[in-house]
Protein backbone atom coordinates (compact mmCIF):
# COMPACT_ATOMS: atom_id res chain seq x y z
CA MET A 1 -18.01 -14.66 18.71
CA THR A 2 -19.39 -14.23 15.10
CA LYS A 3 -19.43 -11.08 13.39
CA SER A 4 -21.52 -10.52 10.07
CA PRO A 5 -19.43 -10.31 6.98
CA ILE A 6 -20.17 -6.72 6.72
CA TRP A 7 -18.52 -5.74 10.32
CA LEU A 8 -15.59 -7.88 9.37
CA ALA A 9 -14.74 -6.00 6.15
CA LEU A 10 -15.23 -2.83 8.12
CA GLY A 11 -12.76 -4.37 10.55
CA GLY A 12 -10.42 -4.77 7.62
CA LEU A 13 -10.83 -1.43 6.25
CA LEU A 14 -9.99 0.11 9.46
CA ALA A 15 -6.82 -2.15 9.96
CA MET A 16 -5.67 -1.38 6.41
CA GLY A 17 -6.34 2.12 7.21
CA ALA A 18 -4.40 2.43 10.15
CA GLY A 19 -1.34 0.39 9.06
CA MET A 20 -1.16 1.43 5.63
CA GLY A 21 -2.94 4.49 4.98
CA VAL A 22 -1.73 6.07 8.04
CA GLY A 23 1.06 4.05 8.93
CA ARG A 24 2.81 4.04 5.48
CA PHE A 25 1.58 6.96 3.52
CA VAL A 26 1.38 9.75 6.00
CA TYR A 27 4.89 10.23 5.60
CA THR A 28 4.12 12.15 2.33
CA PRO A 29 2.39 14.89 3.36
CA ILE A 30 4.48 15.58 6.44
CA LEU A 31 7.67 15.33 4.14
CA PRO A 32 7.55 18.81 3.11
CA PRO A 33 7.43 20.68 6.41
CA MET A 34 9.47 18.19 8.13
CA VAL A 35 12.28 18.63 5.36
CA GLU A 36 12.03 22.51 5.66
CA ALA A 37 12.31 22.36 9.37
CA LEU A 38 15.11 19.88 9.67
CA HIS A 39 17.08 21.00 6.45
CA LEU A 40 16.69 17.40 5.01
CA THR A 41 18.18 16.88 1.39
CA LYS A 42 15.96 14.90 -1.11
CA SER A 43 18.42 12.21 -0.84
CA GLN A 44 17.87 12.12 2.91
CA ALA A 45 14.25 12.05 2.56
CA GLY A 46 14.36 9.37 0.00
CA LEU A 47 16.29 7.39 2.32
CA ILE A 48 13.94 7.48 5.28
CA ALA A 49 11.31 6.54 2.69
CA SER A 50 13.20 3.55 1.63
CA ALA A 51 14.08 2.55 5.29
CA ASN A 52 10.37 2.27 5.59
CA PHE A 53 10.14 0.09 2.32
CA ILE A 54 13.28 -2.23 3.72
CA GLY A 55 11.23 -2.89 6.63
CA TYR A 56 7.99 -3.63 4.81
CA PHE A 57 10.29 -5.97 2.62
CA ALA A 58 11.65 -7.90 5.78
CA GLY A 59 8.26 -8.00 7.40
CA ALA A 60 6.62 -9.46 4.07
CA LEU A 61 9.62 -12.36 4.26
CA LEU A 62 8.98 -12.74 8.17
CA ALA A 63 5.05 -13.14 7.57
CA ALA A 64 5.65 -16.11 5.28
CA LEU A 65 7.12 -18.19 8.29
CA ARG A 66 4.83 -19.98 10.70
CA PHE A 67 4.36 -18.22 13.87
CA PRO A 68 2.95 -19.17 17.32
CA GLY A 69 -0.53 -17.99 18.33
CA SER A 70 -3.37 -16.78 16.39
CA ARG A 71 -3.06 -14.38 13.35
CA ARG A 72 -5.57 -12.04 14.99
CA MET A 73 -2.80 -11.58 17.94
CA TRP A 74 -0.23 -10.92 15.47
CA LEU A 75 -2.60 -8.32 13.76
CA LEU A 76 -3.37 -6.63 16.97
CA GLY A 77 0.28 -6.37 18.03
CA ALA A 78 1.32 -4.96 14.76
CA LEU A 79 -1.33 -2.38 15.12
CA ALA A 80 -0.04 -1.27 18.42
CA ALA A 81 3.65 -1.09 17.29
CA ASN A 82 2.44 1.01 14.29
CA VAL A 83 0.96 3.36 16.69
CA VAL A 84 4.23 3.58 18.85
CA CYS A 85 6.42 4.13 15.63
CA LEU A 86 4.31 7.03 14.44
CA ALA A 87 4.27 8.72 17.93
CA ALA A 88 8.08 8.35 18.31
CA MET A 89 8.80 10.24 15.04
CA GLY A 90 7.65 13.08 16.45
CA MET A 91 9.72 12.97 19.46
CA THR A 92 13.32 13.03 17.62
CA THR A 93 15.23 14.79 15.09
CA SER A 94 17.99 12.31 14.57
CA LEU A 95 18.16 10.89 10.92
CA ALA A 96 19.21 7.60 12.52
CA ALA A 97 16.25 7.36 14.60
CA PHE A 98 14.04 8.16 11.76
CA LEU A 99 15.70 5.42 9.52
CA VAL A 100 15.05 2.81 12.71
CA LEU A 101 11.52 3.90 13.35
CA ARG A 102 10.63 3.97 9.75
CA GLY A 103 11.89 0.64 9.34
CA ILE A 104 10.04 -0.91 12.10
CA ALA A 105 6.91 0.90 10.83
CA GLY A 106 7.26 -0.73 7.63
CA LEU A 107 8.02 -4.32 9.19
CA VAL A 108 4.69 -3.92 11.04
CA SER A 109 2.58 -2.55 8.26
CA ALA A 110 3.75 -5.64 6.19
CA PHE A 111 2.33 -7.75 9.18
CA ILE A 112 -0.92 -5.71 9.18
CA LEU A 113 -1.55 -6.27 5.51
CA ILE A 114 -0.86 -9.85 5.22
CA PHE A 115 -2.40 -11.15 8.47
CA ALA A 116 -5.46 -8.66 7.94
CA SER A 117 -5.88 -9.83 4.33
CA ALA A 118 -5.44 -13.45 5.16
CA LEU A 119 -7.77 -13.37 8.13
CA VAL A 120 -10.54 -11.15 6.74
CA LEU A 121 -10.28 -12.22 3.32
CA ASP A 122 -10.60 -16.14 4.24
CA ARG A 123 -13.68 -15.33 6.20
CA LEU A 124 -15.31 -13.38 3.73
CA ALA A 125 -14.73 -16.19 1.20
CA ALA A 126 -16.16 -18.86 3.62
CA ALA A 127 -19.25 -16.76 4.03
CA GLY A 128 -19.87 -16.23 0.25
CA ARG A 129 -19.17 -12.53 0.58
CA SER A 130 -15.84 -12.02 -1.24
CA GLY A 131 -17.31 -9.03 -2.92
CA LEU A 132 -16.89 -7.26 0.49
CA SER A 133 -12.98 -7.55 -0.39
CA ALA A 134 -13.17 -4.20 -1.76
CA VAL A 135 -14.14 -2.76 1.48
CA HIS A 136 -11.26 -4.34 3.17
CA PHE A 137 -8.76 -2.88 0.67
CA ALA A 138 -10.53 0.63 0.54
CA GLY A 139 -9.38 1.39 3.91
CA VAL A 140 -5.84 2.31 2.35
CA GLY A 141 -7.20 5.13 0.39
CA ALA A 142 -9.62 6.20 3.14
CA GLY A 143 -6.71 6.18 5.92
CA THR A 144 -4.43 8.04 3.37
CA ALA A 145 -7.11 10.50 2.78
CA ALA A 146 -7.90 10.95 6.45
CA ALA A 147 -4.26 11.37 7.36
CA ALA A 148 -3.58 13.73 4.89
CA ALA A 149 -6.91 15.86 5.83
CA LEU A 150 -5.79 15.94 9.42
CA VAL A 151 -2.24 16.64 8.70
CA ALA A 152 -3.34 19.75 6.30
CA CYS A 153 -4.97 21.26 9.49
CA LEU A 154 -1.88 21.32 11.54
CA SER A 155 1.44 23.32 10.87
CA ASP A 156 3.96 21.72 13.19
CA TRP A 157 5.71 18.47 11.60
CA ARG A 158 5.93 17.01 15.40
CA THR A 159 2.28 17.66 16.04
CA MET A 160 1.29 15.74 12.60
CA TRP A 161 3.28 12.47 13.60
CA GLU A 162 1.51 12.84 17.02
CA ALA A 163 -2.02 13.37 15.63
CA SER A 164 -1.42 10.63 12.99
CA ALA A 165 -0.43 8.04 16.05
CA ALA A 166 -3.64 9.21 17.72
CA LEU A 167 -5.79 8.41 14.46
CA ALA A 168 -4.01 5.06 14.11
CA LEU A 169 -4.90 4.21 17.82
CA VAL A 170 -8.65 5.05 17.27
CA ALA A 171 -8.72 2.62 14.43
CA GLY A 172 -6.77 -0.04 16.06
CA LEU A 173 -9.27 0.12 18.88
CA ALA A 174 -12.05 -0.68 16.67
CA VAL A 175 -10.37 -3.56 14.84
CA LEU A 176 -10.06 -5.08 18.34
CA VAL A 177 -13.96 -5.00 18.49
CA LEU A 178 -14.77 -5.72 15.12
CA VAL A 179 -12.21 -8.61 14.24
CA PRO A 180 -12.98 -11.47 16.76
CA ALA A 181 -10.73 -14.39 17.57
CA GLU A 182 -10.52 -17.34 15.08
CA GLN A 183 -12.16 -20.75 15.78
CA ALA A 184 -9.58 -23.45 16.90
CA HIS A 185 -10.45 -25.50 14.02
CA ALA A 186 -10.08 -22.73 11.58
CA GLN A 187 -6.54 -21.90 13.02
CA ALA A 188 -5.66 -25.63 12.91
CA ALA A 189 -6.82 -25.83 9.14
CA THR A 190 -4.64 -22.89 8.54
CA ARG A 191 -1.50 -24.29 9.96
CA ALA A 192 -2.04 -27.71 8.39
CA ALA A 193 -2.41 -26.28 4.59
CA ARG A 194 0.54 -26.07 2.71
CA THR A 195 1.32 -23.25 0.26
CA THR A 196 1.53 -24.09 -3.68
CA PHE A 197 2.44 -22.12 -6.58
CA PRO A 198 0.39 -21.87 -9.47
CA LYS A 199 1.56 -21.58 -13.12
CA GLY A 200 2.34 -17.88 -13.90
CA PHE A 201 3.08 -16.90 -10.25
CA ALA A 202 6.70 -16.07 -10.75
CA ALA A 203 5.93 -13.48 -13.72
CA LEU A 204 3.04 -12.26 -11.64
CA ALA A 205 5.42 -11.42 -8.65
CA VAL A 206 8.00 -9.66 -11.11
CA ALA A 207 5.11 -7.40 -12.19
CA TYR A 208 4.30 -6.75 -8.81
CA GLY A 209 7.56 -5.68 -7.98
CA LEU A 210 7.95 -3.36 -10.93
CA PHE A 211 4.39 -1.62 -9.92
CA GLY A 212 5.99 -1.30 -6.56
CA PHE A 213 8.83 0.73 -8.23
CA GLY A 214 6.44 2.45 -10.72
CA TYR A 215 4.01 3.99 -8.47
CA ILE A 216 6.13 4.78 -5.21
CA ILE A 217 7.93 7.79 -6.53
CA THR A 218 5.09 9.62 -7.26
CA ALA A 219 3.16 8.72 -4.09
CA THR A 220 6.40 9.68 -2.00
CA PHE A 221 7.14 13.12 -3.74
CA ILE A 222 4.01 14.57 -4.97
CA VAL A 223 3.18 16.89 -2.33
CA ALA A 224 7.01 17.95 -2.38
CA MET A 225 6.73 18.60 -6.04
CA VAL A 226 3.52 20.81 -5.45
CA ARG A 227 5.26 22.83 -2.53
CA GLY A 228 8.61 23.43 -4.98
CA LEU A 229 6.28 25.18 -7.65
CA LYS A 230 5.32 28.57 -6.65
CA GLU A 231 2.58 28.58 -9.36
CA ILE A 232 0.75 25.49 -7.93
CA ALA A 233 1.85 25.66 -4.22
CA GLY A 234 -1.66 26.49 -3.12
CA LEU A 235 -2.57 22.87 -3.88
CA GLU A 236 -0.40 21.22 -1.10
CA PRO A 237 -3.35 20.94 1.30
CA TYR A 238 -5.44 18.94 -1.13
CA ILE A 239 -3.54 16.96 -3.56
CA PHE A 240 -2.73 14.08 -1.19
CA VAL A 241 -6.38 14.09 0.11
CA ILE A 242 -7.52 13.73 -3.85
CA PHE A 243 -4.76 11.01 -4.00
CA GLY A 244 -6.35 9.19 -0.98
CA LEU A 245 -9.95 9.64 -1.83
CA SER A 246 -9.68 8.40 -5.28
CA ALA A 247 -8.36 5.25 -4.06
CA VAL A 248 -11.20 4.49 -1.72
CA PRO A 249 -13.84 3.43 -4.52
CA SER A 250 -10.81 2.29 -7.04
CA VAL A 251 -10.78 -1.31 -5.67
CA ALA A 252 -14.48 -1.76 -6.02
CA PHE A 253 -14.16 -0.71 -9.67
CA TRP A 254 -11.23 -2.47 -10.68
CA THR A 255 -12.46 -5.91 -9.01
CA TRP A 256 -15.53 -5.39 -10.60
CA LEU A 257 -13.75 -5.18 -14.08
CA ALA A 258 -11.74 -8.43 -13.13
CA ARG A 259 -14.80 -10.38 -12.92
CA ARG A 260 -15.62 -9.66 -16.69
CA TRP A 261 -11.70 -9.56 -17.93
CA GLY A 262 -9.94 -11.59 -15.50
CA VAL A 263 -7.47 -10.47 -12.74
CA LEU A 264 -4.47 -10.36 -15.02
CA ARG A 265 -5.91 -8.61 -17.96
CA THR A 266 -7.27 -6.09 -15.41
CA PHE A 267 -4.06 -5.68 -13.94
CA ALA A 268 -2.34 -5.10 -17.19
CA VAL A 269 -4.87 -2.23 -18.18
CA THR A 270 -4.50 -0.69 -14.89
CA ALA A 271 -0.96 -0.56 -15.13
CA ILE A 272 -0.97 1.49 -18.33
CA ILE A 273 -3.49 4.01 -16.92
CA GLU A 274 -1.30 4.45 -14.00
CA ALA A 275 1.76 4.64 -16.35
CA ALA A 276 0.09 7.29 -18.07
CA GLY A 277 -0.65 9.08 -14.62
CA VAL A 278 3.08 9.07 -13.48
CA ALA A 279 4.43 10.26 -16.97
CA LEU A 280 1.98 13.09 -17.25
CA SER A 281 3.66 14.53 -13.82
CA ALA A 282 7.27 14.22 -15.59
CA LEU A 283 6.43 15.81 -18.95
CA TRP A 284 4.24 18.77 -17.85
CA VAL A 285 3.56 20.32 -14.29
CA THR A 286 0.63 22.37 -13.85
CA SER A 287 -2.31 22.56 -11.71
CA ALA A 288 -4.24 20.37 -14.02
CA THR A 289 -1.76 17.89 -14.58
CA VAL A 290 -0.87 17.50 -10.99
CA ILE A 291 -4.43 16.75 -10.08
CA ALA A 292 -4.75 14.31 -13.01
CA THR A 293 -1.65 12.56 -12.04
CA SER A 294 -3.06 12.42 -8.38
CA LEU A 295 -6.35 11.09 -9.48
CA LEU A 296 -4.85 8.50 -12.11
CA VAL A 297 -2.25 7.18 -9.69
CA GLY A 298 -4.37 7.38 -6.64
CA GLY A 299 -7.33 5.70 -8.79
CA THR A 300 -5.18 2.84 -9.63
CA PHE A 301 -2.33 1.95 -6.80
CA MET A 302 -4.92 0.35 -4.57
CA GLY A 303 -6.54 -1.37 -7.43
CA LEU A 304 -3.08 -2.92 -8.45
CA THR A 305 -2.43 -3.65 -4.85
CA ALA A 306 -5.97 -5.78 -4.60
CA LEU A 307 -5.56 -7.47 -8.02
CA GLY A 308 -2.03 -8.57 -7.23
CA LEU A 309 -3.17 -10.06 -3.94
CA ILE A 310 -6.17 -11.54 -5.27
CA GLY A 311 -4.13 -13.17 -8.09
CA ALA A 312 -1.94 -14.49 -5.27
CA ARG A 313 -4.80 -16.08 -3.49
CA GLN A 314 -5.53 -18.33 -6.38
CA GLY A 315 -4.19 -21.81 -6.11
CA ASP A 316 -4.53 -24.30 -3.53
CA GLY A 317 -3.19 -24.49 0.28
CA ASP A 318 -2.41 -21.53 2.69
CA PRO A 319 -2.17 -18.47 0.80
CA ARG A 320 -0.20 -16.35 3.38
CA GLY A 321 3.12 -17.71 1.84
CA ARG A 322 1.86 -16.36 -1.75
CA ILE A 323 0.66 -13.13 -0.40
CA ALA A 324 3.90 -12.63 1.58
CA LEU A 325 6.27 -13.14 -1.50
CA MET A 326 3.98 -10.83 -3.53
CA THR A 327 4.16 -8.22 -1.08
CA ALA A 328 8.26 -8.77 -0.85
CA SER A 329 8.58 -8.15 -4.38
CA PHE A 330 6.36 -5.16 -4.34
CA SER A 331 8.32 -3.79 -1.42
CA PHE A 332 11.62 -4.47 -3.21
CA GLY A 333 10.36 -2.22 -6.03
CA GLN A 334 9.47 0.38 -3.45
CA ILE A 335 12.80 0.34 -1.59
CA LEU A 336 14.65 1.30 -4.74
CA GLY A 337 12.19 3.93 -5.97
CA PRO A 338 12.47 6.82 -3.42
CA ALA A 339 16.51 6.31 -3.06
CA PHE A 340 16.82 6.15 -6.79
CA ALA A 341 14.50 9.26 -7.29
CA GLY A 342 16.14 11.25 -4.43
CA TYR A 343 19.46 10.83 -5.89
CA VAL A 344 18.56 11.81 -9.43
CA TYR A 345 16.84 14.76 -7.90
CA ASP A 346 19.98 15.90 -6.32
CA LEU A 347 22.07 15.25 -9.42
CA THR A 348 19.68 16.92 -11.61
CA GLY A 349 17.30 19.22 -9.74
CA SER A 350 14.15 17.26 -11.37
CA LEU A 351 12.05 14.25 -10.39
CA ALA A 352 11.10 13.99 -14.65
CA LEU A 353 13.78 11.17 -15.11
CA PRO A 354 12.93 8.96 -12.16
CA SER A 355 9.15 9.58 -12.74
CA LEU A 356 9.66 8.50 -16.79
CA ALA A 357 11.64 5.63 -15.49
CA ALA A 358 8.61 4.63 -12.96
CA ALA A 359 6.26 5.00 -15.86
CA ALA A 360 8.25 2.46 -17.98
CA ALA A 361 8.47 0.25 -15.13
CA LEU A 362 4.70 0.07 -15.24
CA VAL A 363 4.58 -0.64 -18.72
CA VAL A 364 6.75 -3.51 -18.41
CA ALA A 365 4.38 -4.88 -15.56
CA ALA A 366 1.37 -4.53 -17.97
CA ILE A 367 3.18 -6.49 -20.53
CA LEU A 368 4.10 -9.41 -18.04
CA ALA A 369 0.60 -9.52 -16.74
CA ALA A 370 -0.77 -9.56 -20.15
CA LEU A 371 1.51 -12.34 -21.56
CA THR A 372 0.76 -14.45 -18.26
CA SER A 373 -2.58 -14.05 -18.64
CA SER A 374 -2.53 -15.32 -22.42
CA LEU A 375 -0.53 -18.21 -21.15
CA SER A 376 -2.50 -19.17 -18.27
CA ALA A 377 -5.57 -21.57 -18.79
CA PRO A 378 -8.22 -21.48 -17.65
CA THR A 379 -8.60 -17.65 -17.42
CA PRO A 380 -8.12 -16.49 -13.70
CA SER A 381 -11.67 -16.87 -12.01
CA ALA A 382 -13.43 -13.94 -10.56
CA PRO A 383 -12.30 -12.25 -7.21
CA SER A 384 -15.72 -12.87 -5.81
CA GLN A 385 -15.03 -16.64 -6.23
CA GLN A 386 -11.67 -16.55 -4.51
CA ARG A 387 -11.19 -18.86 -1.35
């Protein structure tokens, strides 16, 4: 069965929306009512977030291995496990259970990202429609915005988790229809290809890890930050919707720019803009600055995610190993971020210091990407030309 490239890209969008937008980022808007109802400390909230990233790290490493069966089978299985983990979060009040469930959810979300990206992007490239990769990556922002809007309509944290599970289930069923099975010769060719690592890959992987640390503190705690200040608390239902919506068109813009400037140069510029957004929330907390932070970080984090994975796909052989190692580096940064921020918050009563540390990490990531770009020859090819 053959699907047009547009339907495949839409299937990728829904897979990324279910696994990443809902499965990973719905925790941020659910966090404030969950903390209040269960009397969690910021350290405990950060620990739950970090458990998800530890699972994501493990999933990224596992996804680099050779698995029996098709990539589609593993993608669908991960989407199903994601729904179960979301639903189960609303059925317990145990911190230990939260840690286990979010850890498993992180593992399967890494599988969804890697298998969906390898499956959909390879087919789009083969069809000469790599430009539609922007649709695929836009799923994270679309899923984040949809989940945040859904949660904003509800008042009980348990119901929020169950409704999120239902949303992920609907998206997963659509993926079942839109992303057909691979042809046997395509599966055989994928298994036969070996992963190679081009010049500059290590520096890009380190920059990607710093990006993971740099954005995740804001992405995890921005809603809690808004709720904690009476003068801007009214923004709570909207701030993460803004964050998600700004991510939707961002991938198309940043990949368009990468076709003109090169992937790594664009990565460096995007990281600097994101650093400015993160620092803004640390230095001044007003309605205007929090909205600006949401726009700047929301409008860059998926662009950086896409640019990093596009950079990882450059080179010969099966790109899945490179994508998995990049994702592992990214998730390692995310493991450190929320736990570090929660611990410092409990000591100081403020997210300013961890946010400034995150902004500094993004600046270093930009410098590494820029240096790698200047040392690379030839200049990285355009995303629309990646195979």
